[in-house]
Amino acid sequence: MPFPSLGVVALVVFVLLYLGVVLPAVWSRQSHRRHAAARVLELMLDQLLIVLRVLASLLRR
């Protein structure tokens, strides 16, 4: 069985993160859940930014 392409894996991860973090941050009626989901989203985006900076610096070499 061949391994799926990197694009398919990235799409699946994006959809799962979107459903698990972004939607609760927007649609929850309970403010503590919205705040917690928004904080998790903020942490994930901060980590993504760090990874992208490292990748960009590696590509410049």
PDB file of N, CA and C in Angstrom:
ATOM      1  N   MET A   1       0.841  -1.174   0.000  1.00  0.00           N
ATOM      2  CA  MET A   1       0.000   0.000   0.000  1.00  0.00           C
ATOM      3  C   MET A   1       0.890   1.242   0.000  1.00  0.00           C
ATOM      4  N   PRO A   2       0.771   2.103  -0.993  1.00  0.00           N
ATOM      5  CA  PRO A   2       1.630   3.283  -1.066  1.00  0.00           C
ATOM      6  C   PRO A   2       1.223   4.338  -0.038  1.00  0.00           C
ATOM      7  N   PHE A   3       2.207   5.080   0.413  1.00  0.00           N
ATOM      8  CA  PHE A   3       1.970   6.164   1.364  1.00  0.00           C
ATOM      9  C   PHE A   3       1.325   7.336   0.632  1.00  0.00           C
ATOM     10  N   PRO A   4       0.290   7.959   1.219  1.00  0.00           N
ATOM     11  CA  PRO A   4      -0.350   9.096   0.543  1.00  0.00           C
ATOM     12  C   PRO A   4       0.615  10.273   0.405  1.00  0.00           C
ATOM     13  N   SER A   5       0.343  11.117  -0.554  1.00  0.00           N
ATOM     14  CA  SER A   5       1.219  12.246  -0.804  1.00  0.00           C
ATOM     15  C   SER A   5       1.200  13.221   0.375  1.00  0.00           C
ATOM     16  N   LEU A   6       2.209  14.052   0.429  1.00  0.00           N
ATOM     17  CA  LEU A   6       2.330  15.029   1.500  1.00  0.00           C
ATOM     18  C   LEU A   6       1.153  16.005   1.485  1.00  0.00           C
ATOM     19  N   GLY A   7       0.667  16.356   0.301  1.00  0.00           N
ATOM     20  CA  GLY A   7      -0.478  17.257   0.194  1.00  0.00           C
ATOM     21  C   GLY A   7      -1.732  16.672   0.818  1.00  0.00           C
ATOM     22  N   VAL A   8      -1.954  15.385   0.612  1.00  0.00           N
ATOM     23  CA  VAL A   8      -3.138  14.727   1.186  1.00  0.00           C
ATOM     24  C   VAL A   8      -3.023  14.693   2.707  1.00  0.00           C
ATOM     25  N   VAL A   9      -1.844  14.375   3.204  1.00  0.00           N
ATOM     26  CA  VAL A   9      -1.628  14.333   4.655  1.00  0.00           C
ATOM     27  C   VAL A   9      -1.834  15.724   5.248  1.00  0.00           C
ATOM     28  N   ALA A  10      -1.294  16.760   4.600  1.00  0.00           N
ATOM     29  CA  ALA A  10      -1.459  18.133   5.088  1.00  0.00           C
ATOM     30  C   ALA A  10      -2.930  18.536   5.083  1.00  0.00           C
ATOM     31  N   LEU A  11      -3.664  18.154   4.061  1.00  0.00           N
ATOM     32  CA  LEU A  11      -5.091  18.476   3.983  1.00  0.00           C
ATOM     33  C   LEU A  11      -5.873  17.796   5.102  1.00  0.00           C
ATOM     34  N   VAL A  12      -5.587  16.541   5.361  1.00  0.00           N
ATOM     35  CA  VAL A  12      -6.277  15.815   6.428  1.00  0.00           C
ATOM     36  C   VAL A  12      -5.972  16.448   7.788  1.00  0.00           C
ATOM     37  N   VAL A  13      -4.711  16.785   8.023  1.00  0.00           N
ATOM     38  CA  VAL A  13      -4.333  17.419   9.287  1.00  0.00           C
ATOM     39  C   VAL A  13      -5.035  18.769   9.429  1.00  0.00           C
ATOM     40  N   PHE A  14      -5.067  19.562   8.353  1.00  0.00           N
ATOM     41  CA  PHE A  14      -5.735  20.858   8.393  1.00  0.00           C
ATOM     42  C   PHE A  14      -7.210  20.706   8.723  1.00  0.00           C
ATOM     43  N   VAL A  15      -7.890  19.778   8.088  1.00  0.00           N
ATOM     44  CA  VAL A  15      -9.326  19.582   8.320  1.00  0.00           C
ATOM     45  C   VAL A  15      -9.574  19.145   9.765  1.00  0.00           C
ATOM     46  N   LEU A  16      -8.755  18.238  10.268  1.00  0.00           N
ATOM     47  CA  LEU A  16      -8.934  17.776  11.648  1.00  0.00           C
ATOM     48  C   LEU A  16      -8.695  18.909  12.645  1.00  0.00           C
ATOM     49  N   LEU A  17      -7.661  19.696  12.418  1.00  0.00           N
ATOM     50  CA  LEU A  17      -7.396  20.824  13.307  1.00  0.00           C
ATOM     51  C   LEU A  17      -8.504  21.872  13.213  1.00  0.00           C
ATOM     52  N   TYR A  18      -8.986  22.104  12.025  1.00  0.00           N
ATOM     53  CA  TYR A  18     -10.070  23.068  11.832  1.00  0.00           C
ATOM     54  C   TYR A  18     -11.313  22.627  12.595  1.00  0.00           C
ATOM     55  N   LEU A  19     -11.679  21.375  12.440  1.00  0.00           N
ATOM     56  CA  LEU A  19     -12.870  20.868  13.107  1.00  0.00           C
ATOM     57  C   LEU A  19     -12.697  20.805  14.621  1.00  0.00           C
ATOM     58  N   GLY A  20     -11.471  20.534  15.067  1.00  0.00           N
ATOM     59  CA  GLY A  20     -11.240  20.368  16.499  1.00  0.00           C
ATOM     60  C   GLY A  20     -10.923  21.639  17.249  1.00  0.00           C
ATOM     61  N   VAL A  21     -10.444  22.669  16.561  1.00  0.00           N
ATOM     62  CA  VAL A  21     -10.009  23.879  17.265  1.00  0.00           C
ATOM     63  C   VAL A  21     -10.741  25.123  16.786  1.00  0.00           C
ATOM     64  N   VAL A  22     -10.768  25.348  15.495  1.00  0.00           N
ATOM     65  CA  VAL A  22     -11.322  26.602  14.980  1.00  0.00           C
ATOM     66  C   VAL A  22     -12.831  26.670  15.191  1.00  0.00           C
ATOM     67  N   LEU A  23     -13.544  25.635  14.855  1.00  0.00           N
ATOM     68  CA  LEU A  23     -15.001  25.672  15.022  1.00  0.00           C
ATOM     69  C   LEU A  23     -15.426  25.856  16.475  1.00  0.00           C
ATOM     70  N   PRO A  24     -14.842  25.132  17.428  1.00  0.00           N
ATOM     71  CA  PRO A  24     -15.218  25.407  18.823  1.00  0.00           C
ATOM     72  C   PRO A  24     -14.883  26.836  19.258  1.00  0.00           C
ATOM     73  N   ALA A  25     -13.822  27.402  18.717  1.00  0.00           N
ATOM     74  CA  ALA A  25     -13.460  28.773  19.090  1.00  0.00           C
ATOM     75  C   ALA A  25     -14.510  29.763  18.615  1.00  0.00           C
ATOM     76  N   VAL A  26     -15.201  29.436  17.556  1.00  0.00           N
ATOM     77  CA  VAL A  26     -16.174  30.364  16.987  1.00  0.00           C
ATOM     78  C   VAL A  26     -17.596  30.058  17.453  1.00  0.00           C
ATOM     79  N   TRP A  27     -17.967  28.796  17.517  1.00  0.00           N
ATOM     80  CA  TRP A  27     -19.374  28.432  17.671  1.00  0.00           C
ATOM     81  C   TRP A  27     -19.826  28.050  19.073  1.00  0.00           C
ATOM     82  N   SER A  28     -18.940  27.916  20.012  1.00  0.00           N
ATOM     83  CA  SER A  28     -19.362  27.486  21.341  1.00  0.00           C
ATOM     84  C   SER A  28     -20.156  28.578  22.040  1.00  0.00           C
ATOM     85  N   ARG A  29     -21.191  28.186  22.749  1.00  0.00           N
ATOM     86  CA  ARG A  29     -21.993  29.148  23.509  1.00  0.00           C
ATOM     87  C   ARG A  29     -21.330  29.500  24.837  1.00  0.00           C
ATOM     88  N   GLN A  30     -20.482  28.617  25.306  1.00  0.00           N
ATOM     89  CA  GLN A  30     -19.831  28.842  26.602  1.00  0.00           C
ATOM     90  C   GLN A  30     -18.529  29.609  26.383  1.00  0.00           C
ATOM     91  N   SER A  31     -18.424  30.730  27.068  1.00  0.00           N
ATOM     92  CA  SER A  31     -17.278  31.612  26.824  1.00  0.00           C
ATOM     93  C   SER A  31     -15.960  30.962  27.218  1.00  0.00           C
ATOM     94  N   HIS A  32     -15.936  30.146  28.264  1.00  0.00           N
ATOM     95  CA  HIS A  32     -14.663  29.527  28.655  1.00  0.00           C
ATOM     96  C   HIS A  32     -14.180  28.540  27.593  1.00  0.00           C
ATOM     97  N   ARG A  33     -15.101  27.870  26.921  1.00  0.00           N
ATOM     98  CA  ARG A  33     -14.693  26.976  25.824  1.00  0.00           C
ATOM     99  C   ARG A  33     -14.162  27.769  24.635  1.00  0.00           C
ATOM    100  N   ARG A  34     -14.813  28.889  24.328  1.00  0.00           N
ATOM    101  CA  ARG A  34     -14.330  29.741  23.235  1.00  0.00           C
ATOM    102  C   ARG A  34     -12.937  30.268  23.537  1.00  0.00           C
ATOM    103  N   HIS A  35     -12.739  30.716  24.767  1.00  0.00           N
ATOM    104  CA  HIS A  35     -11.431  31.251  25.147  1.00  0.00           C
ATOM    105  C   HIS A  35     -10.358  30.164  25.125  1.00  0.00           C
ATOM    106  N   ALA A  36     -10.693  28.974  25.614  1.00  0.00           N
ATOM    107  CA  ALA A  36      -9.727  27.874  25.612  1.00  0.00           C
ATOM    108  C   ALA A  36      -9.377  27.462  24.179  1.00  0.00           C
ATOM    109  N   ALA A  37     -10.379  27.358  23.333  1.00  0.00           N
ATOM    110  CA  ALA A  37     -10.123  26.982  21.939  1.00  0.00           C
ATOM    111  C   ALA A  37      -9.329  28.070  21.224  1.00  0.00           C
ATOM    112  N   ALA A  38      -9.635  29.329  21.513  1.00  0.00           N
ATOM    113  CA  ALA A  38      -8.880  30.419  20.899  1.00  0.00           C
ATOM    114  C   ALA A  38      -7.431  30.401  21.367  1.00  0.00           C
ATOM    115  N   ARG A  39      -7.199  30.074  22.624  1.00  0.00           N
ATOM    116  CA  ARG A  39      -5.822  29.991  23.151  1.00  0.00           C
ATOM    117  C   ARG A  39      -5.063  28.848  22.486  1.00  0.00           C
ATOM    118  N   VAL A  40      -5.701  27.709  22.339  1.00  0.00           N
ATOM    119  CA  VAL A  40      -5.055  26.577  21.671  1.00  0.00           C
ATOM    120  C   VAL A  40      -4.726  26.946  20.223  1.00  0.00           C
ATOM    121  N   LEU A  41      -5.657  27.610  19.552  1.00  0.00           N
ATOM    122  CA  LEU A  41      -5.416  28.039  18.178  1.00  0.00           C
ATOM    123  C   LEU A  41      -4.233  29.003  18.119  1.00  0.00           C
ATOM    124  N   GLU A  42      -4.166  29.923  19.060  1.00  0.00           N
ATOM    125  CA  GLU A  42      -3.051  30.872  19.110  1.00  0.00           C
ATOM    126  C   GLU A  42      -1.720  30.151  19.306  1.00  0.00           C
ATOM    127  N   LEU A  43      -1.688  29.181  20.201  1.00  0.00           N
ATOM    128  CA  LEU A  43      -0.463  28.406  20.432  1.00  0.00           C
ATOM    129  C   LEU A  43      -0.050  27.626  19.190  1.00  0.00           C
ATOM    130  N   MET A  44      -1.033  27.025  18.521  1.00  0.00           N
ATOM    131  CA  MET A  44      -0.727  26.254  17.310  1.00  0.00           C
ATOM    132  C   MET A  44      -0.199  27.161  16.203  1.00  0.00           C
ATOM    133  N   LEU A  45      -0.786  28.333  16.045  1.00  0.00           N
ATOM    134  CA  LEU A  45      -0.315  29.248  15.011  1.00  0.00           C
ATOM    135  C   LEU A  45       1.077  29.790  15.332  1.00  0.00           C
ATOM    136  N   ASP A  46       1.357  30.023  16.621  1.00  0.00           N
ATOM    137  CA  ASP A  46       2.699  30.451  17.014  1.00  0.00           C
ATOM    138  C   ASP A  46       3.735  29.386  16.669  1.00  0.00           C
ATOM    139  N   GLN A  47       3.407  28.131  16.940  1.00  0.00           N
ATOM    140  CA  GLN A  47       4.329  27.042  16.622  1.00  0.00           C
ATOM    141  C   GLN A  47       4.498  26.886  15.111  1.00  0.00           C
ATOM    142  N   LEU A  48       3.415  27.052  14.370  1.00  0.00           N
ATOM    143  CA  LEU A  48       3.491  26.982  12.913  1.00  0.00           C
ATOM    144  C   LEU A  48       4.403  28.075  12.370  1.00  0.00           C
ATOM    145  N   LEU A  49       4.301  29.258  12.939  1.00  0.00           N
ATOM    146  CA  LEU A  49       5.152  30.363  12.514  1.00  0.00           C
ATOM    147  C   LEU A  49       6.626  30.055  12.761  1.00  0.00           C
ATOM    148  N   ILE A  50       6.933  29.454  13.893  1.00  0.00           N
ATOM    149  CA  ILE A  50       8.315  29.070  14.194  1.00  0.00           C
ATOM    150  C   ILE A  50       8.810  28.047  13.179  1.00  0.00           C
ATOM    151  N   VAL A  51       7.992  27.052  12.893  1.00  0.00           N
ATOM    152  CA  VAL A  51       8.380  26.006  11.929  1.00  0.00           C
ATOM    153  C   VAL A  51       8.604  26.613  10.549  1.00  0.00           C
ATOM    154  N   LEU A  52       7.715  27.506  10.135  1.00  0.00           N
ATOM    155  CA  LEU A  52       7.861  28.124   8.816  1.00  0.00           C
ATOM    156  C   LEU A  52       9.115  28.989   8.731  1.00  0.00           C
ATOM    157  N   ARG A  53       9.453  29.679   9.810  1.00  0.00           N
ATOM    158  CA  ARG A  53      10.688  30.470   9.824  1.00  0.00           C
ATOM    159  C   ARG A  53      11.915  29.584   9.707  1.00  0.00           C
ATOM    160  N   VAL A  54      11.897  28.453  10.416  1.00  0.00           N
ATOM    161  CA  VAL A  54      13.034  27.517  10.330  1.00  0.00           C
ATOM    162  C   VAL A  54      13.143  26.965   8.914  1.00  0.00           C
ATOM    163  N   LEU A  55      12.015  26.563   8.333  1.00  0.00           N
ATOM    164  CA  LEU A  55      12.041  26.040   6.966  1.00  0.00           C
ATOM    165  C   LEU A  55      12.527  27.092   5.980  1.00  0.00           C
ATOM    166  N   ALA A  56      12.092  28.329   6.146  1.00  0.00           N
ATOM    167  CA  ALA A  56      12.527  29.393   5.248  1.00  0.00           C
ATOM    168  C   ALA A  56      14.025  29.628   5.376  1.00  0.00           C
ATOM    169  N   SER A  57      14.546  29.582   6.587  1.00  0.00           N
ATOM    170  CA  SER A  57      15.986  29.776   6.765  1.00  0.00           C
ATOM    171  C   SER A  57      16.774  28.618   6.170  1.00  0.00           C
ATOM    172  N   LEU A  58      16.229  27.406   6.244  1.00  0.00           N
ATOM    173  CA  LEU A  58      16.913  26.255   5.643  1.00  0.00           C
ATOM    174  C   LEU A  58      16.907  26.339   4.123  1.00  0.00           C
ATOM    175  N   LEU A  59      15.831  26.857   3.555  1.00  0.00           N
ATOM    176  CA  LEU A  59      15.734  26.958   2.098  1.00  0.00           C
ATOM    177  C   LEU A  59      16.654  28.035   1.539  1.00  0.00           C
ATOM    178  N   ARG A  60      16.977  29.044   2.342  1.00  0.00           N
ATOM    179  CA  ARG A  60      17.869  30.115   1.890  1.00  0.00           C
ATOM    180  C   ARG A  60      19.311  29.671   1.807  1.00  0.00           C
ATOM    181  N   ARG A  61      19.673  28.605   2.456  1.00  0.00           N
ATOM    182  CA  ARG A  61      21.071  28.126   2.473  1.00  0.00           C
ATOM    183  C   ARG A  61      21.455  27.483   1.178  1.00  0.00           C
TER     184      ARG A  61
END
